[in-house]
Amino acid sequence: QVQLVESGGGLVQPGGSLRLSCAASEKIDTFVSWGWYRQGPEKPRELVARITGDGTTIFVDAVKGRFTISRDTATDTMYLALEKLKPQDTAVYFCNFRPTSAMEYWGQGIQVTVAS
């Protein structure tokens, strides 16, 4: 069972930046997708960005041009760089890993708060 450890969240002012990390507990060779979801106050959980197994990156429209997703194969860590943050980006961000279409793992969630 893969464990996902998230880090990098916190409080940031509007316009600021953060980098979230998601470290996997074992070597990652192949997968269907690896990415981030978020859940804002009284909102459903939504996809933010993900990398597919063939290297394709997918972003929700609300974060295009502001967020970047990347993967470090040497450390089995996936990163989400958040820039030009807005108050509406405030949410708990969850790392999501799908080694196959039938398996799925979630991180514990990490808070990102964008406020003055």
N, C-alpha and C. Protein backbone atom coordinates (compact mmCIF):
# COMPACT_ATOMS: atom_id res chain seq x y z
N GLN A 1 0.85 -1.19 0.00
CA GLN A 1 0.00 0.00 0.00
C GLN A 1 0.88 1.24 0.00
N VAL A 2 0.62 2.11 -0.93
CA VAL A 2 1.40 3.34 -1.05
C VAL A 2 0.89 4.37 -0.05
N GLN A 3 1.81 4.96 0.68
CA GLN A 3 1.45 6.08 1.54
C GLN A 3 1.94 7.37 0.91
N LEU A 4 1.13 8.40 1.02
CA LEU A 4 1.44 9.70 0.42
C LEU A 4 1.57 10.73 1.53
N VAL A 5 2.69 11.40 1.60
CA VAL A 5 2.93 12.39 2.65
C VAL A 5 3.02 13.76 2.01
N GLU A 6 2.10 14.62 2.38
CA GLU A 6 2.02 15.96 1.81
C GLU A 6 2.70 16.98 2.72
N SER A 7 3.24 18.00 2.11
CA SER A 7 3.84 19.09 2.88
C SER A 7 3.82 20.36 2.05
N GLY A 8 4.06 21.49 2.71
CA GLY A 8 4.21 22.74 1.99
C GLY A 8 3.04 23.70 2.06
N GLY A 9 1.98 23.33 2.71
CA GLY A 9 0.84 24.23 2.79
C GLY A 9 1.07 25.35 3.77
N GLY A 10 0.05 26.19 3.94
CA GLY A 10 0.18 27.27 4.91
C GLY A 10 -0.67 28.46 4.53
N LEU A 11 -0.35 29.58 5.18
CA LEU A 11 -1.06 30.84 4.96
C LEU A 11 -0.21 31.74 4.06
N VAL A 12 -0.83 32.29 3.05
CA VAL A 12 -0.13 33.16 2.12
C VAL A 12 -1.06 34.30 1.72
N GLN A 13 -0.47 35.43 1.41
CA GLN A 13 -1.27 36.57 0.99
C GLN A 13 -1.69 36.42 -0.48
N PRO A 14 -2.77 37.07 -0.87
CA PRO A 14 -3.16 37.04 -2.28
C PRO A 14 -2.00 37.49 -3.17
N GLY A 15 -1.81 36.78 -4.26
CA GLY A 15 -0.70 37.06 -5.15
C GLY A 15 0.56 36.30 -4.82
N GLY A 16 0.58 35.65 -3.68
CA GLY A 16 1.75 34.92 -3.24
C GLY A 16 1.87 33.54 -3.86
N SER A 17 2.88 32.80 -3.39
CA SER A 17 3.19 31.49 -3.95
C SER A 17 3.42 30.47 -2.85
N LEU A 18 3.18 29.22 -3.19
CA LEU A 18 3.49 28.09 -2.33
C LEU A 18 3.91 26.93 -3.22
N ARG A 19 4.59 25.96 -2.62
CA ARG A 19 4.85 24.71 -3.34
C ARG A 19 4.46 23.55 -2.44
N LEU A 20 3.55 22.76 -2.93
CA LEU A 20 3.12 21.56 -2.23
C LEU A 20 3.93 20.37 -2.70
N SER A 21 4.24 19.48 -1.78
CA SER A 21 4.96 18.26 -2.10
C SER A 21 4.12 17.05 -1.70
N CYS A 22 4.25 15.99 -2.47
CA CYS A 22 3.60 14.72 -2.16
C CYS A 22 4.63 13.63 -2.35
N ALA A 23 5.12 13.09 -1.24
CA ALA A 23 6.15 12.07 -1.30
C ALA A 23 5.53 10.69 -1.15
N ALA A 24 5.85 9.81 -2.08
CA ALA A 24 5.35 8.44 -2.03
C ALA A 24 6.26 7.58 -1.16
N SER A 25 5.68 6.58 -0.53
CA SER A 25 6.42 5.74 0.41
C SER A 25 7.21 4.63 -0.27
N GLU A 26 7.02 4.48 -1.58
CA GLU A 26 7.76 3.45 -2.29
C GLU A 26 8.11 3.93 -3.69
N LYS A 27 8.96 3.18 -4.35
CA LYS A 27 9.40 3.54 -5.69
C LYS A 27 8.21 3.51 -6.64
N ILE A 28 8.07 4.57 -7.41
CA ILE A 28 6.97 4.66 -8.37
C ILE A 28 7.54 4.46 -9.77
N ASP A 29 7.11 3.39 -10.43
CA ASP A 29 7.59 3.13 -11.79
C ASP A 29 6.55 3.49 -12.83
N THR A 30 5.37 2.96 -12.67
CA THR A 30 4.29 3.25 -13.61
C THR A 30 3.04 3.62 -12.83
N PHE A 31 2.17 4.36 -13.46
CA PHE A 31 0.92 4.73 -12.82
C PHE A 31 -0.05 5.24 -13.86
N VAL A 32 -1.29 5.33 -13.48
CA VAL A 32 -2.31 5.88 -14.36
C VAL A 32 -2.35 7.40 -14.21
N SER A 33 -2.37 7.89 -12.97
CA SER A 33 -2.35 9.33 -12.74
C SER A 33 -1.85 9.63 -11.34
N TRP A 34 -1.31 10.80 -11.17
CA TRP A 34 -0.78 11.27 -9.89
C TRP A 34 -1.05 12.76 -9.87
N GLY A 35 -1.79 13.22 -8.89
CA GLY A 35 -2.15 14.61 -8.93
C GLY A 35 -2.70 15.16 -7.63
N TRP A 36 -3.38 16.28 -7.74
CA TRP A 36 -3.91 17.01 -6.59
C TRP A 36 -5.38 17.34 -6.80
N TYR A 37 -6.13 17.16 -5.72
CA TYR A 37 -7.50 17.62 -5.64
C TYR A 37 -7.56 18.65 -4.51
N ARG A 38 -8.63 19.39 -4.48
CA ARG A 38 -8.83 20.30 -3.36
C ARG A 38 -10.30 20.36 -2.98
N GLN A 39 -10.51 20.72 -1.72
CA GLN A 39 -11.88 20.87 -1.23
C GLN A 39 -11.95 22.14 -0.40
N GLY A 40 -12.66 23.13 -0.95
CA GLY A 40 -12.85 24.38 -0.25
C GLY A 40 -13.99 24.29 0.74
N PRO A 41 -14.16 25.32 1.56
CA PRO A 41 -15.24 25.32 2.55
C PRO A 41 -16.61 25.12 1.89
N GLU A 42 -17.31 24.13 2.32
CA GLU A 42 -18.66 23.84 1.84
C GLU A 42 -18.70 23.63 0.33
N LYS A 43 -17.63 23.07 -0.20
CA LYS A 43 -17.57 22.77 -1.63
C LYS A 43 -17.21 21.31 -1.82
N PRO A 44 -17.57 20.73 -2.96
CA PRO A 44 -17.16 19.35 -3.22
C PRO A 44 -15.68 19.28 -3.57
N ARG A 45 -15.09 18.13 -3.41
CA ARG A 45 -13.69 17.95 -3.79
C ARG A 45 -13.60 18.01 -5.32
N GLU A 46 -12.57 18.72 -5.80
CA GLU A 46 -12.41 18.89 -7.24
C GLU A 46 -10.96 18.63 -7.64
N LEU A 47 -10.80 18.17 -8.87
CA LEU A 47 -9.46 17.98 -9.42
C LEU A 47 -8.82 19.35 -9.64
N VAL A 48 -7.56 19.46 -9.27
CA VAL A 48 -6.78 20.67 -9.54
C VAL A 48 -5.84 20.42 -10.71
N ALA A 49 -5.03 19.41 -10.60
CA ALA A 49 -4.05 19.09 -11.65
C ALA A 49 -3.58 17.66 -11.46
N ARG A 50 -3.15 17.06 -12.55
CA ARG A 50 -2.58 15.72 -12.44
C ARG A 50 -1.64 15.45 -13.61
N ILE A 51 -0.78 14.49 -13.37
CA ILE A 51 0.12 13.97 -14.40
C ILE A 51 -0.35 12.56 -14.71
N THR A 52 -0.49 12.23 -15.98
CA THR A 52 -0.85 10.87 -16.34
C THR A 52 0.42 10.06 -16.57
N GLY A 53 0.27 8.77 -16.69
CA GLY A 53 1.42 7.89 -16.82
C GLY A 53 2.29 8.16 -18.03
N ASP A 54 1.71 8.75 -19.06
CA ASP A 54 2.48 9.07 -20.26
C ASP A 54 3.06 10.47 -20.21
N GLY A 55 2.94 11.14 -19.07
CA GLY A 55 3.53 12.45 -18.88
C GLY A 55 2.63 13.63 -19.22
N THR A 56 1.43 13.36 -19.63
CA THR A 56 0.49 14.44 -19.93
C THR A 56 0.06 15.13 -18.64
N THR A 57 0.01 16.46 -18.68
CA THR A 57 -0.45 17.23 -17.52
C THR A 57 -1.83 17.80 -17.81
N ILE A 58 -2.66 17.78 -16.81
CA ILE A 58 -4.03 18.26 -16.91
C ILE A 58 -4.30 19.24 -15.77
N PHE A 59 -4.89 20.37 -16.09
CA PHE A 59 -5.21 21.39 -15.09
C PHE A 59 -6.67 21.80 -15.21
N VAL A 60 -7.28 22.07 -14.07
CA VAL A 60 -8.61 22.64 -14.10
C VAL A 60 -8.49 24.08 -14.59
N ASP A 61 -9.49 24.58 -15.30
CA ASP A 61 -9.40 25.91 -15.91
C ASP A 61 -9.05 27.01 -14.90
N ALA A 62 -9.55 26.88 -13.68
CA ALA A 62 -9.35 27.94 -12.69
C ALA A 62 -7.90 28.15 -12.30
N VAL A 63 -7.04 27.17 -12.56
CA VAL A 63 -5.64 27.30 -12.14
C VAL A 63 -4.66 27.34 -13.32
N LYS A 64 -5.16 27.21 -14.53
CA LYS A 64 -4.28 27.23 -15.70
C LYS A 64 -3.50 28.54 -15.76
N GLY A 65 -2.21 28.42 -16.01
CA GLY A 65 -1.35 29.58 -16.07
C GLY A 65 -0.83 30.03 -14.72
N ARG A 66 -1.35 29.46 -13.64
CA ARG A 66 -0.90 29.85 -12.30
C ARG A 66 -0.26 28.69 -11.53
N PHE A 67 -0.71 27.48 -11.78
CA PHE A 67 -0.19 26.30 -11.09
C PHE A 67 0.63 25.46 -12.05
N THR A 68 1.65 24.82 -11.51
CA THR A 68 2.50 23.93 -12.29
C THR A 68 2.66 22.62 -11.53
N ILE A 69 2.55 21.51 -12.23
CA ILE A 69 2.73 20.20 -11.60
C ILE A 69 3.96 19.54 -12.18
N SER A 70 4.73 18.89 -11.32
CA SER A 70 5.95 18.24 -11.78
C SER A 70 6.25 17.03 -10.89
N ARG A 71 7.13 16.19 -11.38
CA ARG A 71 7.46 14.95 -10.66
C ARG A 71 8.96 14.76 -10.65
N ASP A 72 9.48 14.37 -9.49
CA ASP A 72 10.89 14.04 -9.34
C ASP A 72 11.00 12.52 -9.22
N THR A 73 11.47 11.88 -10.26
CA THR A 73 11.54 10.42 -10.26
C THR A 73 12.62 9.89 -9.31
N ALA A 74 13.61 10.72 -9.00
CA ALA A 74 14.68 10.26 -8.11
C ALA A 74 14.20 10.12 -6.67
N THR A 75 13.27 10.98 -6.28
CA THR A 75 12.78 10.95 -4.90
C THR A 75 11.34 10.48 -4.79
N ASP A 76 10.73 10.15 -5.94
CA ASP A 76 9.32 9.71 -5.94
C ASP A 76 8.43 10.73 -5.23
N THR A 77 8.62 11.96 -5.63
CA THR A 77 7.86 13.08 -5.08
C THR A 77 7.21 13.85 -6.21
N MET A 78 5.99 14.25 -5.98
CA MET A 78 5.27 15.05 -6.95
C MET A 78 5.03 16.43 -6.34
N TYR A 79 5.19 17.46 -7.13
CA TYR A 79 5.09 18.83 -6.66
C TYR A 79 3.96 19.57 -7.36
N LEU A 80 3.36 20.49 -6.63
CA LEU A 80 2.41 21.42 -7.22
C LEU A 80 2.85 22.82 -6.81
N ALA A 81 3.30 23.60 -7.79
CA ALA A 81 3.69 24.98 -7.55
C ALA A 81 2.47 25.87 -7.77
N LEU A 82 2.13 26.63 -6.75
CA LEU A 82 0.96 27.51 -6.79
C LEU A 82 1.46 28.95 -6.83
N GLU A 83 1.08 29.66 -7.86
CA GLU A 83 1.49 31.06 -8.00
C GLU A 83 0.27 31.93 -8.20
N LYS A 84 0.47 33.21 -7.97
CA LYS A 84 -0.61 34.20 -8.13
C LYS A 84 -1.85 33.74 -7.39
N LEU A 85 -1.68 33.33 -6.17
CA LEU A 85 -2.77 32.74 -5.41
C LEU A 85 -3.88 33.74 -5.14
N LYS A 86 -5.09 33.21 -5.14
CA LYS A 86 -6.30 34.00 -4.92
C LYS A 86 -7.03 33.46 -3.69
N PRO A 87 -7.83 34.27 -3.05
CA PRO A 87 -8.60 33.77 -1.90
C PRO A 87 -9.43 32.54 -2.24
N GLN A 88 -9.91 32.45 -3.45
CA GLN A 88 -10.73 31.31 -3.85
C GLN A 88 -9.91 30.03 -4.00
N ASP A 89 -8.60 30.12 -3.92
CA ASP A 89 -7.76 28.93 -3.91
C ASP A 89 -7.68 28.30 -2.52
N THR A 90 -8.22 28.99 -1.54
CA THR A 90 -8.23 28.46 -0.18
C THR A 90 -8.97 27.13 -0.13
N ALA A 91 -8.30 26.11 0.37
CA ALA A 91 -8.89 24.77 0.39
C ALA A 91 -7.94 23.82 1.10
N VAL A 92 -8.43 22.63 1.38
CA VAL A 92 -7.56 21.53 1.76
C VAL A 92 -7.18 20.82 0.47
N TYR A 93 -5.89 20.67 0.26
CA TYR A 93 -5.38 20.05 -0.95
C TYR A 93 -4.98 18.61 -0.63
N PHE A 94 -5.43 17.69 -1.50
CA PHE A 94 -5.19 16.27 -1.30
C PHE A 94 -4.37 15.71 -2.46
N CYS A 95 -3.34 14.98 -2.12
CA CYS A 95 -2.58 14.25 -3.13
C CYS A 95 -3.34 12.96 -3.47
N ASN A 96 -3.38 12.64 -4.74
CA ASN A 96 -4.09 11.46 -5.22
C ASN A 96 -3.19 10.66 -6.14
N PHE A 97 -3.10 9.36 -5.90
CA PHE A 97 -2.24 8.49 -6.71
C PHE A 97 -3.03 7.28 -7.16
N ARG A 98 -2.99 7.02 -8.47
CA ARG A 98 -3.68 5.85 -9.03
C ARG A 98 -2.67 4.98 -9.77
N PRO A 99 -2.19 3.92 -9.13
CA PRO A 99 -1.24 3.05 -9.82
C PRO A 99 -1.89 2.27 -10.95
N THR A 100 -3.16 1.93 -10.79
CA THR A 100 -3.95 1.29 -11.84
C THR A 100 -5.32 1.95 -11.83
N SER A 101 -6.13 1.63 -12.82
CA SER A 101 -7.47 2.22 -12.88
C SER A 101 -8.36 1.70 -11.76
N ALA A 102 -7.96 0.59 -11.13
CA ALA A 102 -8.78 0.00 -10.08
C ALA A 102 -8.28 0.32 -8.68
N MET A 103 -7.17 1.03 -8.57
CA MET A 103 -6.59 1.34 -7.25
C MET A 103 -6.39 2.84 -7.12
N GLU A 104 -6.54 3.32 -5.90
CA GLU A 104 -6.44 4.75 -5.65
C GLU A 104 -5.99 4.99 -4.22
N TYR A 105 -5.07 5.92 -4.06
CA TYR A 105 -4.59 6.30 -2.73
C TYR A 105 -4.70 7.80 -2.56
N TRP A 106 -4.97 8.20 -1.30
CA TRP A 106 -5.09 9.62 -0.99
C TRP A 106 -4.12 9.99 0.13
N GLY A 107 -3.63 11.21 0.05
CA GLY A 107 -2.89 11.76 1.17
C GLY A 107 -3.86 12.26 2.23
N GLN A 108 -3.31 12.73 3.34
CA GLN A 108 -4.15 13.14 4.46
C GLN A 108 -4.75 14.53 4.26
N GLY A 109 -4.26 15.26 3.31
CA GLY A 109 -4.75 16.61 3.06
C GLY A 109 -3.89 17.65 3.75
N ILE A 110 -3.75 18.79 3.10
CA ILE A 110 -2.95 19.87 3.65
C ILE A 110 -3.66 21.20 3.36
N GLN A 111 -3.68 22.07 4.37
CA GLN A 111 -4.43 23.31 4.26
C GLN A 111 -3.63 24.38 3.52
N VAL A 112 -4.29 25.02 2.58
CA VAL A 112 -3.76 26.22 1.93
C VAL A 112 -4.77 27.33 2.17
N THR A 113 -4.30 28.42 2.78
CA THR A 113 -5.17 29.55 3.06
C THR A 113 -4.59 30.79 2.42
N VAL A 114 -5.40 31.45 1.60
CA VAL A 114 -4.97 32.67 0.93
C VAL A 114 -5.79 33.81 1.50
N ALA A 115 -5.12 34.68 2.26
CA ALA A 115 -5.82 35.77 2.93
C ALA A 115 -4.84 36.88 3.26
N SER A 116 -5.38 38.10 3.36
CA SER A 116 -4.54 39.26 3.69
C SER A 116 -4.23 39.27 5.18
